[in-house]
N, C-alpha and C. Protein backbone atom coordinates (compact mmCIF):
# COMPACT_ATOMS: atom_id res chain seq x y z
N MET A 1 69.75 68.57 94.84
CA MET A 1 70.28 67.47 94.81
C MET A 1 69.92 66.89 95.90
N SER A 2 70.18 65.22 95.23
CA SER A 2 69.74 63.89 95.76
C SER A 2 70.96 63.48 96.86
N PRO A 3 70.79 63.19 97.82
CA PRO A 3 71.23 62.18 98.80
C PRO A 3 72.48 61.31 97.40
N HIS A 4 71.71 60.57 96.99
CA HIS A 4 72.48 59.24 96.13
C HIS A 4 73.08 59.87 94.89
N SER A 5 72.85 60.80 94.68
CA SER A 5 74.04 61.30 93.42
C SER A 5 75.48 62.51 93.94
N LEU A 6 76.52 61.87 94.46
CA LEU A 6 77.39 62.58 94.72
C LEU A 6 78.18 63.03 92.99
N PRO A 7 78.52 64.26 93.34
CA PRO A 7 79.89 65.10 92.27
C PRO A 7 80.90 63.87 91.74
N ALA A 8 80.74 63.31 90.42
CA ALA A 8 81.96 63.06 89.74
C ALA A 8 83.40 63.34 90.44
N PRO A 9 84.37 62.12 90.29
CA PRO A 9 85.53 62.49 90.74
C PRO A 9 86.62 63.17 89.57
N ALA A 10 86.96 64.27 90.06
CA ALA A 10 88.20 64.67 88.53
C ALA A 10 88.62 63.53 87.70
N ARG A 11 88.70 63.73 86.76
CA ARG A 11 89.89 62.74 85.88
C ARG A 11 90.83 63.38 85.22
N GLY A 12 91.83 62.75 84.85
CA GLY A 12 93.06 63.63 84.07
C GLY A 12 94.42 63.30 85.69
N PHE A 13 95.44 64.28 84.89
CA PHE A 13 96.55 64.49 85.84
C PHE A 13 96.73 65.89 85.87
N THR A 14 97.44 66.08 87.61
CA THR A 14 97.24 67.21 87.80
C THR A 14 98.56 67.94 86.91
N LEU A 15 99.08 69.42 86.76
CA LEU A 15 100.36 69.83 86.32
C LEU A 15 101.54 69.20 86.63
N LEU A 16 101.73 69.03 88.14
CA LEU A 16 102.94 68.85 89.10
C LEU A 16 102.87 67.26 88.56
N GLU A 17 101.77 66.10 88.41
CA GLU A 17 102.22 65.18 88.19
C GLU A 17 102.90 64.69 86.39
N ILE A 18 102.64 65.77 85.35
CA ILE A 18 102.74 65.51 84.45
C ILE A 18 104.20 66.26 84.30
N LEU A 19 104.69 67.46 85.07
CA LEU A 19 105.87 67.75 85.53
C LEU A 19 106.70 66.58 85.53
N VAL A 20 106.44 66.11 86.92
CA VAL A 20 107.67 65.18 87.15
C VAL A 20 107.94 63.99 86.82
N SER A 21 106.62 62.94 86.09
CA SER A 21 106.81 62.69 84.55
C SER A 21 107.35 62.56 83.43
N LEU A 22 107.41 63.86 83.05
CA LEU A 22 108.64 64.37 82.02
C LEU A 22 109.87 64.85 82.31
N ALA A 23 110.11 64.94 83.65
CA ALA A 23 111.29 65.25 84.09
C ALA A 23 112.21 63.95 83.91
N ILE A 24 111.66 62.90 84.40
CA ILE A 24 112.06 61.48 84.53
C ILE A 24 112.09 60.98 82.85
N VAL A 25 111.13 61.00 81.98
CA VAL A 25 111.65 60.67 80.65
C VAL A 25 112.38 61.08 79.88
N ILE A 26 112.60 62.82 80.75
CA ILE A 26 113.74 63.27 79.72
C ILE A 26 115.50 62.82 80.97
N LEU A 27 115.07 62.99 81.93
CA LEU A 27 116.51 62.31 82.76
C LEU A 27 117.02 60.74 82.15
N LEU A 28 115.86 59.79 81.83
CA LEU A 28 116.22 58.80 81.52
C LEU A 28 116.85 58.74 79.87
N ALA A 29 116.25 59.60 79.25
CA ALA A 29 116.66 59.53 77.66
C ALA A 29 118.35 60.06 77.53
N GLY A 30 118.61 61.22 78.34
CA GLY A 30 120.21 61.67 78.52
C GLY A 30 120.82 60.30 79.02
N LEU A 31 120.57 60.13 79.79
CA LEU A 31 121.06 58.67 80.18
C LEU A 31 121.37 57.69 79.45
N GLY A 32 120.46 57.46 78.89
CA GLY A 32 120.55 56.28 77.23
C GLY A 32 121.25 57.11 76.03
N TRP A 33 121.40 57.83 75.83
CA TRP A 33 121.99 58.77 74.66
C TRP A 33 123.38 58.39 74.51
N ASN A 34 124.29 58.64 75.89
CA ASN A 34 125.55 58.03 75.54
C ASN A 34 125.66 57.40 75.56
N GLY A 35 125.34 55.95 76.15
CA GLY A 35 125.47 54.78 76.02
C GLY A 35 124.84 54.82 74.48
N TYR A 36 123.57 54.97 73.80
CA TYR A 36 123.52 54.72 72.30
C TYR A 36 124.94 55.36 71.83
N ARG A 37 125.29 56.08 72.05
CA ARG A 37 126.57 57.14 70.98
C ARG A 37 127.80 56.32 71.38
N HIS A 38 127.94 55.59 72.36
CA HIS A 38 129.35 54.96 72.53
C HIS A 38 129.05 53.56 71.53
N ILE A 39 127.97 52.79 71.58
CA ILE A 39 128.14 51.82 70.84
C ILE A 39 127.36 52.06 69.29
N VAL A 40 127.02 52.92 68.63
CA VAL A 40 127.00 53.27 67.72
C VAL A 40 128.42 53.47 67.00
N GLN A 41 129.32 54.41 68.07
CA GLN A 41 130.84 54.42 67.38
C GLN A 41 131.59 53.35 67.31
N LYS A 42 131.60 52.43 68.43
CA LYS A 42 132.08 50.84 68.01
C LYS A 42 131.59 50.41 66.99
N ALA A 43 130.35 50.28 66.84
CA ALA A 43 130.36 49.67 65.44
C ALA A 43 130.29 50.04 63.85
N ALA A 44 130.70 51.47 64.31
CA ALA A 44 131.48 51.92 63.05
C ALA A 44 132.89 51.84 63.01
N ARG A 45 133.16 51.79 64.24
CA ARG A 45 135.10 51.62 63.90
C ARG A 45 135.27 50.13 63.86
N ALA A 46 134.01 48.85 64.34
CA ALA A 46 134.05 47.66 63.55
C ALA A 46 134.03 47.28 62.18
N GLU A 47 133.32 48.24 61.63
CA GLU A 47 132.90 48.47 60.08
C GLU A 47 134.12 49.21 59.08
N GLY A 48 135.00 49.81 59.96
CA GLY A 48 136.20 50.33 59.38
C GLY A 48 137.18 49.22 59.39
N ARG A 49 137.44 48.40 60.36
CA ARG A 49 138.26 47.38 60.66
C ARG A 49 137.89 46.26 59.51
N ALA A 50 136.65 46.17 59.69
CA ALA A 50 136.68 44.45 58.87
C ALA A 50 136.75 45.49 57.22
N ALA A 51 136.18 46.44 56.45
CA ALA A 51 136.20 46.73 55.62
C ALA A 51 137.90 47.01 55.67
N LEU A 52 138.55 47.57 55.91
CA LEU A 52 140.18 47.50 56.27
C LEU A 52 140.75 46.30 55.72
N LEU A 53 140.35 45.32 56.34
CA LEU A 53 140.99 44.03 56.37
C LEU A 53 140.76 43.28 55.27
N HIS A 54 139.33 43.55 54.40
CA HIS A 54 138.73 43.10 52.98
C HIS A 54 139.48 43.68 52.07
N VAL A 55 140.00 44.97 52.40
CA VAL A 55 140.79 45.22 51.20
C VAL A 55 141.92 44.69 51.08
N LEU A 56 142.73 44.66 52.50
CA LEU A 56 143.73 43.46 52.53
C LEU A 56 143.59 42.18 51.67
N MET A 57 142.68 41.57 51.64
CA MET A 57 142.69 40.14 50.95
C MET A 57 142.69 40.45 49.83
N GLN A 58 141.71 41.47 48.91
CA GLN A 58 141.62 42.12 47.69
C GLN A 58 142.98 42.49 47.83
N GLN A 59 143.42 42.82 48.11
CA GLN A 59 145.31 43.16 47.74
C GLN A 59 145.90 42.00 47.54
N GLU A 60 146.38 41.23 48.23
CA GLU A 60 146.73 39.69 48.18
C GLU A 60 146.12 38.70 46.92
N ARG A 61 145.16 38.89 46.59
CA ARG A 61 144.68 38.20 45.78
C ARG A 61 145.63 38.99 44.33
N HIS A 62 145.22 40.31 44.51
CA HIS A 62 145.48 41.02 43.39
C HIS A 62 147.41 40.95 43.28
N HIS A 63 147.85 41.03 44.39
CA HIS A 63 149.43 40.23 44.47
C HIS A 63 149.55 39.22 43.94
N ALA A 64 148.96 37.96 44.25
CA ALA A 64 149.21 37.08 43.60
C ALA A 64 149.53 36.63 42.08
N TYR A 65 148.20 37.33 41.17
CA TYR A 65 148.64 37.38 40.11
C TYR A 65 149.10 38.27 39.61
N GLN A 66 149.22 39.51 39.71
CA GLN A 66 149.92 41.02 39.16
C GLN A 66 151.62 40.85 39.83
N HIS A 67 151.70 40.52 41.08
CA HIS A 67 152.86 40.24 41.53
C HIS A 67 153.38 41.87 42.50
N ARG A 68 152.49 42.53 42.30
CA ARG A 68 152.43 43.77 42.60
C ARG A 68 150.86 44.05 43.33
N TYR A 69 151.25 45.25 44.55
CA TYR A 69 149.58 45.70 45.34
C TYR A 69 149.58 47.13 44.23
N LYS A 70 148.09 47.22 44.61
CA LYS A 70 147.78 48.32 43.47
C LYS A 70 147.08 49.77 44.64
N ALA A 71 147.80 50.84 44.37
CA ALA A 71 147.15 51.64 45.11
C ALA A 71 146.01 52.78 44.76
N PHE A 72 145.61 52.96 45.60
CA PHE A 72 144.16 53.88 45.11
C PHE A 72 143.84 54.98 46.30
N GLN A 73 142.83 55.69 45.83
CA GLN A 73 142.80 57.06 46.61
C GLN A 73 141.24 56.78 47.11
N PRO A 74 140.67 57.31 47.86
CA PRO A 74 139.34 57.43 48.39
C PRO A 74 138.64 58.26 47.23
N GLY A 75 137.49 57.84 46.85
CA GLY A 75 136.91 58.39 45.76
C GLY A 75 136.73 57.99 44.21
N SER A 76 138.34 57.59 44.13
CA SER A 76 138.59 56.92 43.01
C SER A 76 137.39 55.81 42.50
N ALA A 77 138.27 55.35 41.34
CA ALA A 77 137.29 54.50 40.77
C ALA A 77 138.07 53.04 41.31
N ALA A 78 139.11 53.04 41.97
CA ALA A 78 139.78 52.02 42.96
C ALA A 78 140.18 51.00 42.21
N HIS A 79 139.82 50.55 40.71
CA HIS A 79 139.92 50.10 40.09
C HIS A 79 139.67 48.50 40.68
N GLY A 80 138.45 48.50 41.15
CA GLY A 80 138.18 46.97 42.01
C GLY A 80 137.99 46.60 43.54
N PHE A 81 139.00 48.12 43.84
CA PHE A 81 138.62 47.80 45.52
C PHE A 81 137.77 49.06 46.21
N LYS A 82 137.38 48.60 47.41
CA LYS A 82 136.25 49.27 47.55
C LYS A 82 136.97 50.17 48.65
N TRP A 83 136.82 51.52 48.10
CA TRP A 83 137.30 53.10 48.92
C TRP A 83 136.42 53.54 50.20
N TYR A 84 135.14 52.40 50.42
CA TYR A 84 134.44 53.28 51.44
C TYR A 84 134.19 51.99 52.62
N SER A 85 133.62 51.86 53.66
CA SER A 85 134.00 50.93 54.38
C SER A 85 132.46 50.48 54.76
N GLY A 86 131.03 51.52 54.35
CA GLY A 86 129.93 50.66 54.74
C GLY A 86 129.03 50.54 53.43
N ALA A 87 127.98 50.35 53.25
CA ALA A 87 126.86 50.03 52.23
C ALA A 87 127.18 51.00 50.97
N THR A 88 127.61 52.27 51.52
CA THR A 88 127.33 53.21 49.99
C THR A 88 128.31 54.63 50.89
N PRO A 89 128.58 55.10 50.07
CA PRO A 89 130.10 55.68 50.30
C PRO A 89 129.22 57.25 51.65
N GLN A 90 128.09 57.52 50.85
CA GLN A 90 127.14 58.80 51.79
C GLN A 90 127.12 57.70 53.23
N ALA A 91 126.40 56.78 53.39
CA ALA A 91 126.35 56.21 54.79
C ALA A 91 127.56 54.95 55.52
N SER A 92 129.01 55.50 55.17
CA SER A 92 130.28 55.34 55.17
C SER A 92 131.00 55.82 56.13
N ALA A 93 131.51 55.38 57.72
CA ALA A 93 131.94 55.98 58.68
C ALA A 93 133.70 56.03 57.73
N TYR A 94 134.29 55.09 57.40
CA TYR A 94 135.40 55.92 57.15
C TYR A 94 135.67 55.41 55.41
N ALA A 95 136.74 56.63 54.96
CA ALA A 95 137.68 56.56 53.31
C ALA A 95 138.58 55.51 53.56
N LEU A 96 138.42 54.39 52.50
CA LEU A 96 139.87 53.98 52.59
C LEU A 96 140.97 54.02 51.48
N ALA A 97 142.16 53.63 51.51
CA ALA A 97 142.78 54.39 50.57
C ALA A 97 144.12 53.50 50.80
N ALA A 98 144.97 52.86 49.97
CA ALA A 98 146.10 52.07 49.70
C ALA A 98 147.08 52.65 49.26
N ARG A 99 148.48 52.59 49.85
CA ARG A 99 149.49 52.96 49.46
C ARG A 99 150.75 52.11 49.19
N ALA A 100 151.99 52.37 49.01
CA ALA A 100 153.15 52.06 49.22
C ALA A 100 153.43 51.97 50.92
N CYS A 101 153.97 50.82 51.91
CA CYS A 101 154.74 50.71 52.87
C CYS A 101 155.53 52.14 52.73
N ASP A 102 155.81 52.74 53.92
CA ASP A 102 157.68 53.71 54.31
C ASP A 102 158.82 52.69 53.66
N ASP A 103 159.09 53.58 52.70
CA ASP A 103 160.78 53.08 52.30
C ASP A 103 160.58 52.05 51.86
N GLU A 104 159.32 51.83 51.04
CA GLU A 104 159.54 50.38 50.33
C GLU A 104 158.38 50.75 48.86
N ASP A 105 158.23 49.77 47.59
CA ASP A 105 157.33 49.95 46.61
C ASP A 105 156.19 48.70 46.81
N LEU A 106 155.12 49.31 45.79
CA LEU A 106 154.17 48.41 45.77
C LEU A 106 154.54 46.83 45.12
N SER A 107 155.58 46.81 45.07
CA SER A 107 155.89 45.15 44.98
C SER A 107 156.21 44.31 46.38
N SER A 108 156.51 45.06 47.33
CA SER A 108 156.76 44.02 47.95
C SER A 108 155.78 44.77 49.47
N CYS A 109 155.20 45.98 49.19
CA CYS A 109 154.68 46.00 50.65
C CYS A 109 153.64 46.95 50.84
N VAL A 110 151.84 46.59 50.85
CA VAL A 110 151.13 47.83 50.74
C VAL A 110 150.40 48.22 52.03
N LEU A 111 150.34 49.52 52.04
CA LEU A 111 149.66 50.15 53.59
C LEU A 111 147.84 50.25 53.17
N VAL A 112 147.22 49.97 53.79
CA VAL A 112 145.85 50.47 53.43
C VAL A 112 145.30 51.33 55.11
N THR A 113 144.87 52.33 54.64
CA THR A 113 144.46 53.23 55.92
C THR A 113 143.00 53.41 55.83
N ALA A 114 142.12 53.55 56.53
CA ALA A 114 140.97 54.08 57.00
C ALA A 114 140.66 54.97 57.94
N THR A 115 140.45 56.31 56.93
CA THR A 115 140.48 57.49 57.81
C THR A 115 138.76 57.95 58.19
N PRO A 116 138.00 58.60 59.28
CA PRO A 116 137.11 58.44 59.68
C PRO A 116 136.27 59.62 59.14
N GLY A 117 135.39 59.76 58.28
CA GLY A 117 134.87 61.39 58.15
C GLY A 117 135.36 61.53 57.26
N GLY A 118 136.08 60.59 56.34
CA GLY A 118 137.22 61.11 55.22
C GLY A 118 136.56 61.52 53.79
N SER A 119 137.49 61.95 52.96
CA SER A 119 136.97 62.37 51.78
C SER A 119 136.02 61.46 51.07
N GLY A 120 134.42 61.79 50.83
CA GLY A 120 133.69 61.09 50.02
C GLY A 120 132.42 60.15 50.75
N VAL A 121 133.00 60.17 52.12
CA VAL A 121 131.68 59.41 52.80
C VAL A 121 131.33 60.55 54.27
N ASN A 122 130.56 59.90 55.42
CA ASN A 122 129.63 60.53 55.67
C ASN A 122 130.68 61.64 56.77
N THR A 123 130.74 62.75 56.31
CA THR A 123 131.96 63.89 57.28
C THR A 123 131.44 64.13 58.71
N ALA A 124 130.58 63.76 58.65
CA ALA A 124 129.60 64.12 60.51
C ALA A 124 130.59 63.03 60.92
N TYR A 125 130.90 61.79 60.71
CA TYR A 125 131.81 60.80 61.54
C TYR A 125 132.74 61.59 62.05
N GLU A 126 132.93 60.93 63.45
CA GLU A 126 134.54 61.36 64.01
C GLU A 126 134.96 60.47 64.84
N ASP A 127 136.18 59.93 65.12
CA ASP A 127 136.63 58.94 66.14
C ASP A 127 137.87 59.66 66.58
N ALA A 128 137.49 60.50 67.87
CA ALA A 128 138.55 60.75 68.43
C ALA A 128 139.45 60.50 69.09
N ARG A 129 139.02 58.96 69.81
CA ARG A 129 139.38 57.89 70.59
C ARG A 129 140.62 57.44 69.62
N CYS A 130 140.60 57.13 68.55
CA CYS A 130 141.26 55.97 67.41
C CYS A 130 141.71 56.43 66.41
N GLY A 131 140.96 57.47 66.16
CA GLY A 131 141.55 58.32 64.67
C GLY A 131 141.40 57.30 63.77
N VAL A 132 142.65 57.53 62.64
CA VAL A 132 142.69 56.88 61.35
C VAL A 132 143.33 55.73 61.67
N LEU A 133 142.85 54.19 61.03
CA LEU A 133 143.03 52.84 61.05
C LEU A 133 143.73 52.27 60.18
N GLN A 134 144.88 51.48 60.55
CA GLN A 134 146.13 51.40 59.56
C GLN A 134 146.10 49.48 59.58
N ALA A 135 146.61 49.06 58.62
CA ALA A 135 147.34 47.79 58.64
C ALA A 135 148.11 47.60 56.82
N ASP A 136 148.69 46.65 57.23
CA ASP A 136 149.81 46.27 56.18
C ASP A 136 149.58 44.85 55.75
N SER A 137 150.55 44.65 54.50
CA SER A 137 150.89 43.45 53.98
C SER A 137 151.33 42.42 54.66
N ARG A 138 152.48 43.10 55.78
CA ARG A 138 153.26 42.41 56.51
C ARG A 138 152.41 42.00 58.00
N GLY A 139 151.15 42.31 58.08
CA GLY A 139 150.54 41.76 59.42
C GLY A 139 150.43 43.15 60.48
N ASN A 140 151.13 44.03 60.34
CA ASN A 140 151.49 45.22 61.12
C ASN A 140 149.62 46.05 61.47
N ARG A 141 149.15 46.15 62.41
CA ARG A 141 147.88 46.75 62.32
C ARG A 141 148.11 48.32 63.61
N ARG A 142 147.93 49.62 62.61
CA ARG A 142 148.02 50.81 63.91
C ARG A 142 146.89 51.41 63.90
N ALA A 143 146.89 52.51 65.00
CA ALA A 143 145.81 53.09 64.96
C ALA A 143 146.15 54.73 65.93
N ASP A 144 145.73 55.78 65.23
CA ASP A 144 145.62 57.06 66.59
C ASP A 144 146.20 56.86 68.08
N GLY A 145 144.87 55.88 68.52
CA GLY A 145 144.93 55.81 69.62
C GLY A 145 145.28 54.52 70.44
N LYS A 146 144.89 53.63 71.22
CA LYS A 146 145.14 53.19 72.19
C LYS A 146 144.07 51.80 71.99
N ASP A 147 143.94 50.58 72.22
CA ASP A 147 143.04 49.35 72.40
C ASP A 147 142.08 49.91 71.12
N CYS A 148 142.25 49.94 69.79
CA CYS A 148 141.79 50.36 68.87
C CYS A 148 141.56 48.82 67.86
N TRP A 149 142.46 48.57 67.85
CA TRP A 149 142.59 46.98 67.03
C TRP A 149 141.58 45.60 68.45
C-alpha cells in the first residue's frame, strides 16, 4: 500500500442511528395523529351542523308554499330534502331526518336531527362528545353533549 492511498471512509448509517431516527419519526407521527383526528372530528361536526341548517331553510321554503313542513327519514327519497350531510351518502358523517316537534304537528313545527354514523351513511363515524344534533323551526338547537353548536 502506498502512503498516498488511504482506505475510503465507511459510508452509510449505523443500525443505532437508523433505529433512533425511526423512533423519533414514530413519536412525532403518534403525537400528530391525535391532533389530526380531533380536527377531522370538528370538520365532520361542522358538516353536520351546516347540513342540518340547510334542511331547515328548505323546510321553511316548503312551509311558505304548502303551509306545513315535511317529515322524512334517512335513506328515503326525502322528496327534495337531502338526507345526508356530505357530497354522497357513503362519504357523509351524519344522516338527517325530519319529524314534527314533540306535542305538535307538521303545520306548526319541524324538528330536524343529524345522527352521526346513522343509517345509510359512513357507519364508521362516531361522535361520542356531541352525539345527535337537533334543530327545530322555532330556533332551538340541541345536542347530546355540551358546546356542540
